[in-house]
Amino acid sequence: SGAYLGTSLAARGSQLFAGYSASLNIGVW
């Protein structure tokens, strides 16, 4: 969840990384 101070995004190739400010973790899409 980024429903605090947002979700930070970074893309490389066919992957999108998402850093979540509320749940304090990182997801991979």
Full PDB file with SEQRES, HELIX, SHEET, SSBOND, CRYST1, ORIGX, SCALE, CONECT and MASTER records, all heavy atoms in Angstrom:
SEQRES   1 A   29  SER GLY ALA TYR LEU GLY THR SER LEU ALA ALA ARG GLY          
SEQRES   2 A   29  SER GLN LEU PHE ALA GLY TYR SER ALA SER LEU ASN ILE          
SEQRES   3 A   29  GLY VAL TRP                                                  
SHEET    1 AA1 3 THR A   7  ARG A  12  0                                        
SHEET    2 AA1 3 GLN A  15  TYR A  20 -1                                        
SHEET    3 AA1 3 ASN A  25  VAL A  28 -1                                        
CRYST1    1.000    1.000    1.000  90.00  90.00  90.00 P 1           1          
ORIGX1      1.000000  0.000000  0.000000        0.00000                         
ORIGX2      0.000000  1.000000  0.000000        0.00000                         
ORIGX3      0.000000  0.000000  1.000000        0.00000                         
SCALE1      1.000000  0.000000  0.000000        0.00000                         
SCALE2      0.000000  1.000000  0.000000        0.00000                         
SCALE3      0.000000  0.000000  1.000000        0.00000                         
ATOM      1  N   SER A   1       0.824  -1.188   0.000  1.00  0.00           N  
ATOM      2  CA  SER A   1       0.000   0.000   0.000  1.00  0.00           C  
ATOM      3  C   SER A   1       0.866   1.249   0.000  1.00  0.00           C  
ATOM      4  O   SER A   1       1.812   1.365   0.784  1.00  0.00           O  
ATOM      5  CB  SER A   1      -0.915   0.025   1.229  1.00  0.00           C  
ATOM      6  OG  SER A   1      -1.603   1.268   1.316  1.00  0.00           O  
ATOM      7  N   GLY A   2       0.503   2.191  -0.878  1.00  0.00           N  
ATOM      8  CA  GLY A   2       1.166   3.488  -0.898  1.00  0.00           C  
ATOM      9  C   GLY A   2       0.276   4.586  -0.389  1.00  0.00           C  
ATOM     10  O   GLY A   2       0.578   5.764  -0.588  1.00  0.00           O  
ATOM     11  N   ALA A   3      -0.803   4.219   0.289  1.00  0.00           N  
ATOM     12  CA  ALA A   3      -1.799   5.197   0.721  1.00  0.00           C  
ATOM     13  C   ALA A   3      -1.350   5.930   1.981  1.00  0.00           C  
ATOM     14  O   ALA A   3      -2.084   6.028   2.958  1.00  0.00           O  
ATOM     15  CB  ALA A   3      -3.137   4.511   0.938  1.00  0.00           C  
ATOM     16  N   TYR A   4      -0.150   6.421   1.939  1.00  0.00           N  
ATOM     17  CA  TYR A   4       0.384   7.266   3.004  1.00  0.00           C  
ATOM     18  C   TYR A   4       1.104   8.438   2.358  1.00  0.00           C  
ATOM     19  O   TYR A   4       0.599   9.547   2.317  1.00  0.00           O  
ATOM     20  CB  TYR A   4       1.321   6.459   3.902  1.00  0.00           C  
ATOM     21  CG  TYR A   4       2.125   7.294   4.863  1.00  0.00           C  
ATOM     22  CD1 TYR A   4       1.525   8.248   5.673  1.00  0.00           C  
ATOM     23  CD2 TYR A   4       3.503   7.119   4.962  1.00  0.00           C  
ATOM     24  CE1 TYR A   4       2.271   9.024   6.562  1.00  0.00           C  
ATOM     25  CE2 TYR A   4       4.262   7.884   5.844  1.00  0.00           C  
ATOM     26  CZ  TYR A   4       3.647   8.828   6.641  1.00  0.00           C  
ATOM     27  OH  TYR A   4       4.393   9.585   7.497  1.00  0.00           O  
ATOM     28  N   LEU A   5       2.246   8.184   1.791  1.00  0.00           N  
ATOM     29  CA  LEU A   5       2.983   9.207   1.056  1.00  0.00           C  
ATOM     30  C   LEU A   5       3.321   8.743  -0.349  1.00  0.00           C  
ATOM     31  O   LEU A   5       4.313   9.166  -0.936  1.00  0.00           O  
ATOM     32  CB  LEU A   5       4.258   9.577   1.819  1.00  0.00           C  
ATOM     33  CG  LEU A   5       4.001  10.377   3.107  1.00  0.00           C  
ATOM     34  CD1 LEU A   5       5.275  10.507   3.909  1.00  0.00           C  
ATOM     35  CD2 LEU A   5       3.441  11.751   2.775  1.00  0.00           C  
ATOM     36  N   GLY A   6       2.490   7.846  -0.903  1.00  0.00           N  
ATOM     37  CA  GLY A   6       2.615   7.480  -2.302  1.00  0.00           C  
ATOM     38  C   GLY A   6       3.362   6.191  -2.567  1.00  0.00           C  
ATOM     39  O   GLY A   6       3.904   5.548  -1.662  1.00  0.00           O  
ATOM     40  N   THR A   7       3.391   5.814  -3.838  1.00  0.00           N  
ATOM     41  CA  THR A   7       4.110   4.648  -4.334  1.00  0.00           C  
ATOM     42  C   THR A   7       5.167   5.114  -5.310  1.00  0.00           C  
ATOM     43  O   THR A   7       4.869   5.844  -6.254  1.00  0.00           O  
ATOM     44  CB  THR A   7       3.145   3.671  -5.034  1.00  0.00           C  
ATOM     45  OG1 THR A   7       2.193   3.186  -4.079  1.00  0.00           O  
ATOM     46  CG2 THR A   7       3.885   2.501  -5.649  1.00  0.00           C  
ATOM     47  N   SER A   8       6.402   4.722  -5.071  1.00  0.00           N  
ATOM     48  CA  SER A   8       7.519   5.107  -5.934  1.00  0.00           C  
ATOM     49  C   SER A   8       7.742   4.030  -6.977  1.00  0.00           C  
ATOM     50  O   SER A   8       7.798   2.832  -6.653  1.00  0.00           O  
ATOM     51  CB  SER A   8       8.790   5.297  -5.096  1.00  0.00           C  
ATOM     52  OG  SER A   8       9.776   6.007  -5.813  1.00  0.00           O  
ATOM     53  N   LEU A   9       7.850   4.429  -8.255  1.00  0.00           N  
ATOM     54  CA  LEU A   9       7.932   3.489  -9.370  1.00  0.00           C  
ATOM     55  C   LEU A   9       9.294   3.551 -10.058  1.00  0.00           C  
ATOM     56  O   LEU A   9       9.895   4.611 -10.162  1.00  0.00           O  
ATOM     57  CB  LEU A   9       6.843   3.796 -10.397  1.00  0.00           C  
ATOM     58  CG  LEU A   9       5.402   3.813  -9.899  1.00  0.00           C  
ATOM     59  CD1 LEU A   9       4.452   4.203 -11.031  1.00  0.00           C  
ATOM     60  CD2 LEU A   9       5.010   2.453  -9.319  1.00  0.00           C  
ATOM     61  N   ALA A  10       9.747   2.391 -10.527  1.00  0.00           N  
ATOM     62  CA  ALA A  10      10.972   2.312 -11.331  1.00  0.00           C  
ATOM     63  C   ALA A  10      10.812   1.169 -12.321  1.00  0.00           C  
ATOM     64  O   ALA A  10      10.408   0.061 -11.935  1.00  0.00           O  
ATOM     65  CB  ALA A  10      12.207   2.085 -10.464  1.00  0.00           C  
ATOM     66  N   ALA A  11      11.086   1.424 -13.601  1.00  0.00           N  
ATOM     67  CA  ALA A  11      10.929   0.416 -14.651  1.00  0.00           C  
ATOM     68  C   ALA A  11      12.270   0.085 -15.286  1.00  0.00           C  
ATOM     69  O   ALA A  11      13.128   0.956 -15.471  1.00  0.00           O  
ATOM     70  CB  ALA A  11       9.957   0.905 -15.726  1.00  0.00           C  
ATOM     71  N   ARG A  12      12.468  -1.187 -15.604  1.00  0.00           N  
ATOM     72  CA  ARG A  12      13.647  -1.615 -16.352  1.00  0.00           C  
ATOM     73  C   ARG A  12      13.256  -2.840 -17.155  1.00  0.00           C  
ATOM     74  O   ARG A  12      12.771  -3.826 -16.591  1.00  0.00           O  
ATOM     75  CB  ARG A  12      14.812  -1.948 -15.427  1.00  0.00           C  
ATOM     76  CG  ARG A  12      16.102  -2.369 -16.156  1.00  0.00           C  
ATOM     77  CD  ARG A  12      16.758  -1.208 -16.888  1.00  0.00           C  
ATOM     78  NE  ARG A  12      17.306  -0.261 -15.940  1.00  0.00           N  
ATOM     79  CZ  ARG A  12      16.984   1.027 -15.926  1.00  0.00           C  
ATOM     80  NH1 ARG A  12      16.096   1.499 -16.791  1.00  0.00           N  
ATOM     81  NH2 ARG A  12      17.525   1.851 -15.073  1.00  0.00           N  
ATOM     82  N   GLY A  13      13.404  -2.775 -18.494  1.00  0.00           N  
ATOM     83  CA  GLY A  13      12.999  -3.878 -19.343  1.00  0.00           C  
ATOM     84  C   GLY A  13      11.521  -4.142 -19.203  1.00  0.00           C  
ATOM     85  O   GLY A  13      10.695  -3.231 -19.344  1.00  0.00           O  
ATOM     86  N   SER A  14      11.149  -5.381 -18.897  1.00  0.00           N  
ATOM     87  CA  SER A  14       9.735  -5.743 -18.770  1.00  0.00           C  
ATOM     88  C   SER A  14       9.297  -5.804 -17.311  1.00  0.00           C  
ATOM     89  O   SER A  14       8.284  -6.441 -17.001  1.00  0.00           O  
ATOM     90  CB  SER A  14       9.465  -7.087 -19.444  1.00  0.00           C  
ATOM     91  OG  SER A  14      10.227  -8.116 -18.826  1.00  0.00           O  
ATOM     92  N   GLN A  15      10.026  -5.138 -16.424  1.00  0.00           N  
ATOM     93  CA  GLN A  15       9.660  -5.155 -15.015  1.00  0.00           C  
ATOM     94  C   GLN A  15       9.371  -3.752 -14.492  1.00  0.00           C  
ATOM     95  O   GLN A  15      10.047  -2.790 -14.851  1.00  0.00           O  
ATOM     96  CB  GLN A  15      10.763  -5.788 -14.166  1.00  0.00           C  
ATOM     97  CG  GLN A  15      10.917  -7.290 -14.385  1.00  0.00           C  
ATOM     98  CD  GLN A  15      11.947  -7.899 -13.466  1.00  0.00           C  
ATOM     99  OE1 GLN A  15      13.080  -7.437 -13.395  1.00  0.00           O  
ATOM    100  NE2 GLN A  15      11.558  -8.950 -12.748  1.00  0.00           N  
ATOM    101  N   LEU A  16       8.352  -3.682 -13.653  1.00  0.00           N  
ATOM    102  CA  LEU A  16       8.013  -2.454 -12.952  1.00  0.00           C  
ATOM    103  C   LEU A  16       8.117  -2.743 -11.462  1.00  0.00           C  
ATOM    104  O   LEU A  16       7.459  -3.642 -10.941  1.00  0.00           O  
ATOM    105  CB  LEU A  16       6.596  -2.001 -13.305  1.00  0.00           C  
ATOM    106  CG  LEU A  16       6.094  -0.737 -12.595  1.00  0.00           C  
ATOM    107  CD1 LEU A  16       6.853   0.497 -13.088  1.00  0.00           C  
ATOM    108  CD2 LEU A  16       4.591  -0.563 -12.816  1.00  0.00           C  
ATOM    109  N   PHE A  17       8.962  -1.975 -10.783  1.00  0.00           N  
ATOM    110  CA  PHE A  17       9.141  -2.115  -9.343  1.00  0.00           C  
ATOM    111  C   PHE A  17       8.344  -1.017  -8.647  1.00  0.00           C  
ATOM    112  O   PHE A  17       8.367   0.137  -9.071  1.00  0.00           O  
ATOM    113  CB  PHE A  17      10.623  -2.008  -8.981  1.00  0.00           C  
ATOM    114  CG  PHE A  17      11.485  -3.046  -9.648  1.00  0.00           C  
ATOM    115  CD1 PHE A  17      12.031  -2.807 -10.902  1.00  0.00           C  
ATOM    116  CD2 PHE A  17      11.735  -4.260  -9.029  1.00  0.00           C  
ATOM    117  CE1 PHE A  17      12.823  -3.757 -11.526  1.00  0.00           C  
ATOM    118  CE2 PHE A  17      12.534  -5.225  -9.648  1.00  0.00           C  
ATOM    119  CZ  PHE A  17      13.074  -4.969 -10.904  1.00  0.00           C  
ATOM    120  N   ALA A  18       7.651  -1.379  -7.583  1.00  0.00           N  
ATOM    121  CA  ALA A  18       6.804  -0.441  -6.866  1.00  0.00           C  
ATOM    122  C   ALA A  18       7.166  -0.450  -5.390  1.00  0.00           C  
ATOM    123  O   ALA A  18       7.072  -1.490  -4.720  1.00  0.00           O  
ATOM    124  CB  ALA A  18       5.323  -0.806  -7.060  1.00  0.00           C  
ATOM    125  N   GLY A  19       7.584   0.714  -4.887  1.00  0.00           N  
ATOM    126  CA  GLY A  19       7.912   0.843  -3.480  1.00  0.00           C  
ATOM    127  C   GLY A  19       6.782   1.527  -2.747  1.00  0.00           C  
ATOM    128  O   GLY A  19       6.423   2.657  -3.069  1.00  0.00           O  
ATOM    129  N   TYR A  20       6.219   0.876  -1.746  1.00  0.00           N  
ATOM    130  CA  TYR A  20       5.006   1.346  -1.084  1.00  0.00           C  
ATOM    131  C   TYR A  20       5.334   2.029   0.251  1.00  0.00           C  
ATOM    132  O   TYR A  20       5.997   1.445   1.120  1.00  0.00           O  
ATOM    133  CB  TYR A  20       4.064   0.168  -0.846  1.00  0.00           C  
ATOM    134  CG  TYR A  20       3.637  -0.536  -2.118  1.00  0.00           C  
ATOM    135  CD1 TYR A  20       4.175  -1.773  -2.472  1.00  0.00           C  
ATOM    136  CD2 TYR A  20       2.714   0.051  -2.977  1.00  0.00           C  
ATOM    137  CE1 TYR A  20       3.786  -2.421  -3.642  1.00  0.00           C  
ATOM    138  CE2 TYR A  20       2.317  -0.590  -4.144  1.00  0.00           C  
ATOM    139  CZ  TYR A  20       2.860  -1.825  -4.475  1.00  0.00           C  
ATOM    140  OH  TYR A  20       2.484  -2.457  -5.636  1.00  0.00           O  
ATOM    141  N   SER A  21       4.828   3.244   0.420  1.00  0.00           N  
ATOM    142  CA  SER A  21       5.163   4.025   1.605  1.00  0.00           C  
ATOM    143  C   SER A  21       4.330   3.668   2.835  1.00  0.00           C  
ATOM    144  O   SER A  21       4.741   3.965   3.957  1.00  0.00           O  
ATOM    145  CB  SER A  21       5.010   5.521   1.312  1.00  0.00           C  
ATOM    146  OG  SER A  21       3.654   5.847   1.048  1.00  0.00           O  
ATOM    147  N   ALA A  22       3.174   3.082   2.671  1.00  0.00           N  
ATOM    148  CA  ALA A  22       2.338   2.733   3.821  1.00  0.00           C  
ATOM    149  C   ALA A  22       2.668   1.341   4.358  1.00  0.00           C  
ATOM    150  O   ALA A  22       2.865   1.150   5.557  1.00  0.00           O  
ATOM    151  CB  ALA A  22       0.858   2.814   3.452  1.00  0.00           C  
ATOM    152  N   SER A  23       2.752   0.349   3.476  1.00  0.00           N  
ATOM    153  CA  SER A  23       3.074  -1.010   3.913  1.00  0.00           C  
ATOM    154  C   SER A  23       4.582  -1.224   4.032  1.00  0.00           C  
ATOM    155  O   SER A  23       5.026  -2.269   4.525  1.00  0.00           O  
ATOM    156  CB  SER A  23       2.471  -2.039   2.943  1.00  0.00           C  
ATOM    157  OG  SER A  23       2.900  -1.783   1.619  1.00  0.00           O  
ATOM    158  N   LEU A  24       5.373  -0.259   3.599  1.00  0.00           N  
ATOM    159  CA  LEU A  24       6.832  -0.283   3.765  1.00  0.00           C  
ATOM    160  C   LEU A  24       7.480  -1.485   3.099  1.00  0.00           C  
ATOM    161  O   LEU A  24       8.381  -2.117   3.664  1.00  0.00           O  
ATOM    162  CB  LEU A  24       7.193  -0.258   5.261  1.00  0.00           C  
ATOM    163  CG  LEU A  24       6.495   0.791   6.125  1.00  0.00           C  
ATOM    164  CD1 LEU A  24       6.974   0.694   7.562  1.00  0.00           C  
ATOM    165  CD2 LEU A  24       6.727   2.190   5.579  1.00  0.00           C  
ATOM    166  N   ASN A  25       7.045  -1.822   1.886  1.00  0.00           N  
ATOM    167  CA  ASN A  25       7.644  -2.945   1.179  1.00  0.00           C  
ATOM    168  C   ASN A  25       7.657  -2.679  -0.326  1.00  0.00           C  
ATOM    169  O   ASN A  25       7.240  -1.611  -0.782  1.00  0.00           O  
ATOM    170  CB  ASN A  25       6.923  -4.266   1.507  1.00  0.00           C  
ATOM    171  CG  ASN A  25       5.410  -4.175   1.351  1.00  0.00           C  
ATOM    172  OD1 ASN A  25       4.886  -3.238   0.763  1.00  0.00           O  
ATOM    173  ND2 ASN A  25       4.704  -5.162   1.885  1.00  0.00           N  
ATOM    174  N   ILE A  26       8.166  -3.636  -1.099  1.00  0.00           N  
ATOM    175  CA  ILE A  26       8.373  -3.470  -2.540  1.00  0.00           C  
ATOM    176  C   ILE A  26       7.714  -4.612  -3.295  1.00  0.00           C  
ATOM    177  O   ILE A  26       7.874  -5.787  -2.944  1.00  0.00           O  
ATOM    178  CB  ILE A  26       9.882  -3.431  -2.878  1.00  0.00           C  
ATOM    179  CG1 ILE A  26      10.560  -2.255  -2.160  1.00  0.00           C  
ATOM    180  CG2 ILE A  26      10.102  -3.328  -4.387  1.00  0.00           C  
ATOM    181  CD1 ILE A  26      12.070  -2.263  -2.268  1.00  0.00           C  
ATOM    182  N   GLY A  27       6.968  -4.280  -4.345  1.00  0.00           N  
ATOM    183  CA  GLY A  27       6.360  -5.277  -5.211  1.00  0.00           C  
ATOM    184  C   GLY A  27       6.984  -5.261  -6.588  1.00  0.00           C  
ATOM    185  O   GLY A  27       7.550  -4.253  -7.024  1.00  0.00           O  
ATOM    186  N   VAL A  28       6.897  -6.380  -7.301  1.00  0.00           N  
ATOM    187  CA  VAL A  28       7.451  -6.505  -8.649  1.00  0.00           C  
ATOM    188  C   VAL A  28       6.331  -6.899  -9.605  1.00  0.00           C  
ATOM    189  O   VAL A  28       5.613  -7.886  -9.373  1.00  0.00           O  
ATOM    190  CB  VAL A  28       8.577  -7.545  -8.708  1.00  0.00           C  
ATOM    191  CG1 VAL A  28       9.202  -7.564 -10.104  1.00  0.00           C  
ATOM    192  CG2 VAL A  28       9.650  -7.256  -7.650  1.00  0.00           C  
ATOM    193  N   TRP A  29       6.187  -6.107 -10.666  1.00  0.00           N  
ATOM    194  CA  TRP A  29       5.173  -6.342 -11.689  1.00  0.00           C  
ATOM    195  C   TRP A  29       5.837  -6.684 -13.017  1.00  0.00           C  
ATOM    196  O   TRP A  29       6.921  -6.172 -13.324  1.00  0.00           O  
ATOM    197  CB  TRP A  29       4.310  -5.100 -11.884  1.00  0.00           C  
ATOM    198  CG  TRP A  29       3.532  -4.642 -10.694  1.00  0.00           C  
ATOM    199  CD1 TRP A  29       3.998  -3.915  -9.638  1.00  0.00           C  
ATOM    200  CD2 TRP A  29       2.139  -4.875 -10.441  1.00  0.00           C  
ATOM    201  NE1 TRP A  29       2.978  -3.675  -8.735  1.00  0.00           N  
ATOM    202  CE2 TRP A  29       1.829  -4.244  -9.203  1.00  0.00           C  
ATOM    203  CE3 TRP A  29       1.127  -5.533 -11.142  1.00  0.00           C  
ATOM    204  CZ2 TRP A  29       0.556  -4.271  -8.656  1.00  0.00           C  
ATOM    205  CZ3 TRP A  29      -0.152  -5.552 -10.593  1.00  0.00           C  
ATOM    206  CH2 TRP A  29      -0.435  -4.936  -9.366  1.00  0.00           C  
TER     207      TRP A  29                                                      
MASTER        0    0    0    0    3    0    0    6  206    1    0    3          
END                                                                             
